[in-house]
N, C-alpha and C. Protein backbone atom coordinates (compact mmCIF):
# COMPACT_ATOMS: atom_id res chain seq x y z
N MET A 1 -17.25 4.72 -53.06
CA MET A 1 -17.86 4.63 -52.42
C MET A 1 -17.85 4.47 -50.92
N ALA A 2 -18.58 4.61 -50.19
CA ALA A 2 -18.83 5.05 -48.75
C ALA A 2 -18.41 3.50 -48.53
N GLN A 3 -17.50 3.66 -46.89
CA GLN A 3 -17.45 2.24 -46.44
C GLN A 3 -18.27 2.48 -45.01
N ARG A 4 -18.76 1.56 -44.64
CA ARG A 4 -19.20 1.95 -43.02
C ARG A 4 -17.71 1.61 -42.13
N SER A 5 -17.50 3.28 -40.97
CA SER A 5 -16.42 3.02 -40.33
C SER A 5 -16.68 3.13 -39.09
N GLY A 6 -16.29 2.15 -38.44
CA GLY A 6 -16.50 2.52 -36.67
C GLY A 6 -15.70 3.14 -35.80
N HIS A 7 -14.79 3.12 -36.35
CA HIS A 7 -13.33 3.21 -35.55
C HIS A 7 -12.06 4.31 -35.77
N GLY A 8 -11.48 4.84 -35.25
CA GLY A 8 -10.55 5.65 -35.96
C GLY A 8 -11.08 7.20 -36.04
N GLN A 9 -10.18 7.52 -36.50
CA GLN A 9 -9.95 8.74 -36.41
C GLN A 9 -11.35 9.68 -36.95
N GLU A 10 -11.73 8.83 -38.04
CA GLU A 10 -13.20 9.68 -38.77
C GLU A 10 -14.22 9.16 -37.37
N THR A 11 -14.36 8.22 -37.32
CA THR A 11 -15.40 8.53 -36.12
C THR A 11 -15.40 9.64 -35.15
N ALA A 12 -14.42 9.64 -34.39
CA ALA A 12 -13.81 11.15 -33.59
C ALA A 12 -14.23 12.71 -34.59
N ASP A 13 -13.46 12.57 -35.59
CA ASP A 13 -14.07 13.90 -36.44
C ASP A 13 -16.21 13.63 -36.15
N VAL A 14 -16.93 12.49 -36.72
CA VAL A 14 -17.78 13.11 -36.31
C VAL A 14 -18.76 13.59 -35.07
N GLN A 15 -17.97 12.84 -34.38
CA GLN A 15 -18.63 13.11 -32.26
C GLN A 15 -18.12 14.44 -32.90
N VAL A 16 -16.98 14.98 -32.92
CA VAL A 16 -16.61 16.46 -32.60
C VAL A 16 -17.36 17.16 -33.23
N ALA A 17 -17.63 17.25 -34.65
CA ALA A 17 -18.42 17.91 -35.28
C ALA A 17 -20.24 18.22 -34.54
N LEU A 18 -20.43 16.68 -33.93
CA LEU A 18 -21.81 16.98 -33.85
C LEU A 18 -21.93 17.90 -32.61
N ARG A 19 -20.70 17.50 -31.34
CA ARG A 19 -20.74 17.89 -30.37
C ARG A 19 -20.62 19.70 -30.33
N ALA A 20 -19.88 20.39 -31.74
CA ALA A 20 -19.99 22.01 -32.13
C ALA A 20 -21.69 21.77 -32.33
N LEU A 21 -21.84 21.08 -33.26
CA LEU A 21 -23.48 22.07 -33.98
C LEU A 21 -24.10 21.58 -32.21
N LEU A 22 -23.93 20.81 -31.17
CA LEU A 22 -25.11 20.84 -30.43
C LEU A 22 -24.49 22.15 -29.26
N ALA A 23 -23.24 22.44 -28.81
CA ALA A 23 -22.90 23.29 -28.04
C ALA A 23 -23.51 24.17 -29.07
N GLY A 24 -23.43 24.76 -30.09
CA GLY A 24 -23.34 25.97 -30.89
C GLY A 24 -22.53 27.28 -30.80
N ASP A 25 -21.23 26.84 -30.44
CA ASP A 25 -20.47 28.00 -29.77
C ASP A 25 -19.51 27.81 -31.16
N SER A 26 -19.20 29.23 -31.58
CA SER A 26 -18.42 29.67 -32.67
C SER A 26 -18.34 28.84 -33.83
N VAL A 27 -19.49 27.98 -34.61
CA VAL A 27 -19.70 27.05 -35.24
C VAL A 27 -20.05 27.89 -36.69
N ASP A 28 -18.62 27.17 -37.78
CA ASP A 28 -19.04 27.77 -38.59
C ASP A 28 -19.54 26.77 -39.86
N TYR A 29 -20.98 27.16 -39.83
CA TYR A 29 -21.67 26.60 -40.69
C TYR A 29 -21.24 25.83 -41.85
N THR A 30 -20.01 27.30 -42.84
CA THR A 30 -19.92 26.80 -43.97
C THR A 30 -18.41 25.97 -44.27
N ASP A 31 -18.03 25.76 -42.92
CA ASP A 31 -17.34 24.67 -42.97
C ASP A 31 -16.55 23.34 -43.56
N GLU A 32 -16.36 23.22 -44.58
CA GLU A 32 -16.28 22.31 -45.63
C GLU A 32 -15.69 21.01 -44.45
N ARG A 33 -14.97 21.25 -43.58
CA ARG A 33 -14.83 19.93 -42.80
C ARG A 33 -15.55 19.50 -42.23
N LEU A 34 -16.72 20.33 -41.46
CA LEU A 34 -17.11 19.99 -40.55
C LEU A 34 -18.47 19.19 -41.70
N HIS A 35 -18.63 19.84 -42.88
CA HIS A 35 -19.97 18.67 -43.94
C HIS A 35 -19.32 17.51 -43.94
N GLN A 36 -18.17 16.94 -44.35
CA GLN A 36 -17.54 15.88 -44.52
C GLN A 36 -17.66 15.35 -43.43
N SER A 37 -17.41 15.48 -42.30
CA SER A 37 -17.61 14.83 -41.47
C SER A 37 -18.90 14.28 -40.69
N LEU A 38 -19.57 15.27 -41.08
CA LEU A 38 -21.44 14.84 -41.02
C LEU A 38 -21.73 13.80 -42.14
N LEU A 39 -21.11 13.93 -42.88
CA LEU A 39 -21.25 13.18 -44.28
C LEU A 39 -20.66 11.53 -44.39
N SER A 40 -19.40 11.64 -43.78
CA SER A 40 -18.84 10.62 -42.68
C SER A 40 -19.72 9.55 -41.98
N GLY A 41 -20.10 10.99 -41.37
CA GLY A 41 -20.92 9.96 -40.28
C GLY A 41 -22.10 9.61 -40.67
N LEU A 42 -22.49 9.13 -41.59
CA LEU A 42 -23.28 8.37 -42.33
C LEU A 42 -23.14 7.26 -42.69
N GLY A 43 -22.00 6.72 -42.84
CA GLY A 43 -21.16 5.65 -42.76
C GLY A 43 -20.79 4.82 -41.71
N ALA A 44 -20.88 5.63 -40.35
CA ALA A 44 -20.61 4.80 -39.60
C ALA A 44 -21.27 3.30 -38.83
N GLU A 45 -20.47 2.40 -37.97
CA GLU A 45 -20.84 1.38 -38.21
C GLU A 45 -22.14 2.10 -36.44
N ASP A 46 -21.81 2.70 -36.04
CA ASP A 46 -22.74 2.93 -34.84
C ASP A 46 -24.23 3.59 -35.28
N ARG A 47 -25.19 3.31 -34.52
CA ARG A 47 -26.32 3.62 -35.49
C ARG A 47 -26.46 5.09 -34.52
N ARG A 48 -26.13 5.36 -33.91
CA ARG A 48 -26.01 6.66 -33.11
C ARG A 48 -25.66 7.88 -33.64
N LEU A 49 -24.36 7.41 -34.22
CA LEU A 49 -23.92 8.26 -34.77
C LEU A 49 -24.18 8.47 -36.45
N ARG A 50 -24.92 7.67 -37.29
CA ARG A 50 -25.25 7.76 -38.15
C ARG A 50 -26.44 8.99 -38.39
N VAL A 51 -27.49 8.22 -37.29
CA VAL A 51 -29.07 9.40 -36.50
C VAL A 51 -28.41 10.73 -36.99
N SER A 52 -27.54 10.57 -35.86
CA SER A 52 -27.35 12.00 -35.42
C SER A 52 -26.83 12.54 -36.50
N SER A 53 -25.76 12.10 -37.49
CA SER A 53 -25.26 12.62 -38.60
C SER A 53 -26.67 13.61 -39.54
N ALA A 54 -27.26 12.32 -39.64
CA ALA A 54 -28.35 12.69 -40.64
C ALA A 54 -29.08 13.66 -40.11
N TRP A 55 -29.43 13.62 -38.74
CA TRP A 55 -30.21 14.58 -38.22
C TRP A 55 -29.62 15.87 -38.50
N ALA A 56 -28.08 15.84 -38.70
CA ALA A 56 -27.70 17.12 -38.63
C ALA A 56 -27.45 18.07 -39.63
N LEU A 57 -27.22 17.17 -40.58
CA LEU A 57 -27.26 17.31 -42.17
C LEU A 57 -28.48 17.99 -42.46
N THR A 58 -29.67 17.43 -42.10
CA THR A 58 -31.15 17.76 -42.52
C THR A 58 -31.38 19.50 -41.70
N LEU A 59 -30.46 19.51 -40.56
CA LEU A 59 -31.01 21.01 -39.75
C LEU A 59 -30.07 22.01 -40.52
N LEU A 60 -28.89 21.31 -40.78
CA LEU A 60 -28.03 22.57 -41.53
C LEU A 60 -28.45 23.31 -42.75
N ALA A 61 -29.19 21.81 -43.77
CA ALA A 61 -29.89 22.26 -44.44
C ALA A 61 -30.96 23.17 -44.52
N GLY A 62 -31.98 23.05 -43.62
CA GLY A 62 -32.73 23.58 -43.38
C GLY A 62 -32.75 25.49 -42.69
N ASP A 63 -31.30 25.47 -42.04
CA ASP A 63 -31.89 26.64 -41.38
C ASP A 63 -30.62 27.34 -42.46
N HIS A 64 -29.56 27.09 -43.04
CA HIS A 64 -28.64 27.09 -44.25
C HIS A 64 -28.74 27.01 -45.61
N PRO A 65 -30.00 27.08 -46.65
CA PRO A 65 -30.19 26.93 -47.32
C PRO A 65 -29.49 26.69 -48.40
N SER A 66 -28.34 28.37 -47.98
CA SER A 66 -26.99 28.44 -49.16
C SER A 66 -26.75 27.37 -49.29
N LEU A 67 -26.46 26.54 -47.70
CA LEU A 67 -25.35 25.41 -47.80
C LEU A 67 -26.04 24.04 -49.06
N ILE A 68 -26.76 24.35 -49.32
CA ILE A 68 -27.83 22.60 -49.91
C ILE A 68 -27.08 22.17 -51.26
N ASP A 69 -26.52 23.56 -51.61
CA ASP A 69 -25.26 22.72 -53.14
C ASP A 69 -24.55 22.04 -52.80
N GLY A 70 -23.63 22.01 -51.69
CA GLY A 70 -22.83 21.55 -51.46
C GLY A 70 -22.68 20.29 -50.65
N LEU A 71 -24.15 19.85 -49.62
CA LEU A 71 -24.50 19.17 -49.23
C LEU A 71 -24.95 18.07 -50.02
N VAL A 72 -25.89 18.84 -51.37
CA VAL A 72 -26.18 17.52 -52.08
C VAL A 72 -25.43 16.76 -52.57
N ALA A 73 -24.46 17.26 -53.13
CA ALA A 73 -23.60 17.37 -53.69
C ALA A 73 -22.58 16.31 -53.00
N GLY A 74 -22.00 16.35 -51.79
CA GLY A 74 -21.46 15.39 -50.94
C GLY A 74 -22.21 13.77 -50.79
N LEU A 75 -24.30 14.42 -50.72
CA LEU A 75 -24.66 13.12 -50.20
C LEU A 75 -24.89 12.16 -51.69
N ALA A 76 -24.85 13.21 -52.56
CA ALA A 76 -24.99 12.12 -54.21
C ALA A 76 -24.19 11.47 -54.42
N ASP A 77 -22.77 11.92 -54.26
CA ASP A 77 -21.58 10.63 -54.18
C ASP A 77 -21.57 9.67 -53.27
N ARG A 78 -21.90 9.68 -52.48
CA ARG A 78 -22.60 8.25 -51.33
C ARG A 78 -23.52 7.53 -51.77
N LEU A 79 -24.43 7.92 -52.81
CA LEU A 79 -25.50 6.73 -53.66
C LEU A 79 -25.01 5.92 -53.98
N GLY A 80 -25.64 4.78 -53.10
CA GLY A 80 -25.02 3.44 -54.07
C GLY A 80 -23.98 2.88 -53.16
N GLY A 81 -23.77 3.48 -52.16
CA GLY A 81 -22.65 3.07 -51.31
C GLY A 81 -23.26 1.94 -50.18
N ASP A 82 -22.39 1.77 -48.85
CA ASP A 82 -22.95 0.88 -47.85
C ASP A 82 -23.90 2.17 -47.65
N CYS A 83 -24.53 3.09 -47.14
CA CYS A 83 -25.30 4.29 -46.68
C CYS A 83 -26.24 4.62 -47.45
N ASP A 84 -26.29 4.29 -48.59
CA ASP A 84 -27.35 4.34 -49.51
C ASP A 84 -28.56 4.84 -48.72
N ARG A 85 -29.12 4.17 -48.03
CA ARG A 85 -30.57 4.29 -46.76
C ARG A 85 -30.84 5.51 -46.74
N ASP A 86 -29.57 5.67 -45.76
CA ASP A 86 -29.26 6.98 -44.88
C ASP A 86 -29.59 8.33 -45.85
N VAL A 87 -28.34 8.18 -47.11
CA VAL A 87 -28.69 9.19 -48.03
C VAL A 87 -29.94 9.69 -48.29
N ARG A 88 -30.11 8.77 -48.83
CA ARG A 88 -31.65 9.01 -49.56
C ARG A 88 -33.02 9.40 -48.46
N GLN A 89 -32.59 8.78 -47.29
CA GLN A 89 -33.70 9.45 -46.00
C GLN A 89 -33.27 10.90 -46.16
N VAL A 90 -31.97 11.09 -45.63
CA VAL A 90 -31.22 12.73 -45.68
C VAL A 90 -32.05 13.77 -46.93
N LEU A 91 -31.88 13.05 -47.80
CA LEU A 91 -32.23 13.49 -48.99
C LEU A 91 -33.61 14.03 -49.00
N ALA A 92 -33.90 13.10 -49.00
CA ALA A 92 -35.75 13.01 -49.08
C ALA A 92 -35.83 14.17 -47.88
N GLN A 93 -35.34 14.30 -46.92
CA GLN A 93 -35.99 15.77 -45.59
C GLN A 93 -35.63 16.97 -45.88
N MET A 94 -34.31 16.50 -46.50
CA MET A 94 -34.12 18.23 -47.53
C MET A 94 -35.24 18.65 -48.39
N GLU A 95 -35.41 17.46 -49.54
CA GLU A 95 -36.19 17.63 -50.24
C GLU A 95 -37.38 18.67 -49.84
N ALA A 96 -38.14 17.81 -48.77
CA ALA A 96 -39.26 18.36 -48.13
C ALA A 96 -39.32 19.88 -47.58
N GLN A 97 -38.13 20.08 -47.20
CA GLN A 97 -38.13 21.65 -46.68
C GLN A 97 -37.86 22.77 -47.64
N HIS A 98 -36.73 22.18 -48.88
CA HIS A 98 -36.39 22.80 -50.26
C HIS A 98 -36.79 21.92 -51.27
N PRO A 99 -37.76 21.59 -52.25
CA PRO A 99 -37.61 21.09 -53.19
C PRO A 99 -36.84 21.09 -54.09
N GLU A 100 -37.42 22.85 -54.64
CA GLU A 100 -36.78 23.32 -55.81
C GLU A 100 -35.30 23.12 -55.69
N ARG A 101 -34.90 23.48 -54.71
CA ARG A 101 -33.55 23.59 -54.67
C ARG A 101 -32.59 22.42 -54.52
N VAL A 102 -33.45 21.70 -53.82
CA VAL A 102 -32.73 20.18 -53.71
C VAL A 102 -32.74 19.44 -55.04
N ARG A 103 -33.64 19.56 -56.18
CA ARG A 103 -33.97 19.26 -57.54
C ARG A 103 -33.06 19.32 -58.17
N ALA A 104 -32.85 20.98 -58.08
CA ALA A 104 -31.78 21.94 -58.88
C ALA A 104 -30.43 20.95 -58.57
N ALA A 105 -30.10 21.23 -57.33
CA ALA A 105 -28.66 20.68 -57.31
C ALA A 105 -28.65 19.06 -57.43
N LEU A 106 -29.62 18.60 -57.40
CA LEU A 106 -29.46 16.75 -57.63
C LEU A 106 -28.99 17.05 -59.48
N ALA A 107 -30.22 17.56 -59.87
CA ALA A 107 -29.68 17.75 -61.49
C ALA A 107 -28.64 18.43 -62.21
N ASP A 108 -27.30 18.80 -61.26
CA ASP A 108 -26.28 19.48 -62.03
C ASP A 108 -24.96 18.73 -61.57
C-alpha cells in the first residue's frame, strides 16, 4: 500500500522526473525509474507534486500509448492506498484517451 511521503529521496526523485519531462531534453520515456518516480509522486504530501505527477502520467500515456500497460499496472498496484483518489483520476483520464487499451490492461 502506498504511503504519502513528503520528504527525502522519494520527493527529490519525483521533482527530478518532473523537471526532466518539462525540459524534454534526452528523456527516455520508457525508463522504468521515471515511471516509478511519477507513480510515487501520487502519494506525496505536497499537492503540487501529486497534481504534477498525475498530469505527467496522463501526458505520457497520451503521447506514448505503448507505455499504457506498464503505467496502468503501476497505478493498479496503488488502488486502495492513501492515494486512491488520485490514482482513479489518472486512470479515468487515461481511459478517456485510450479506453480499450486501459480496460485491457486493467483486465490483466
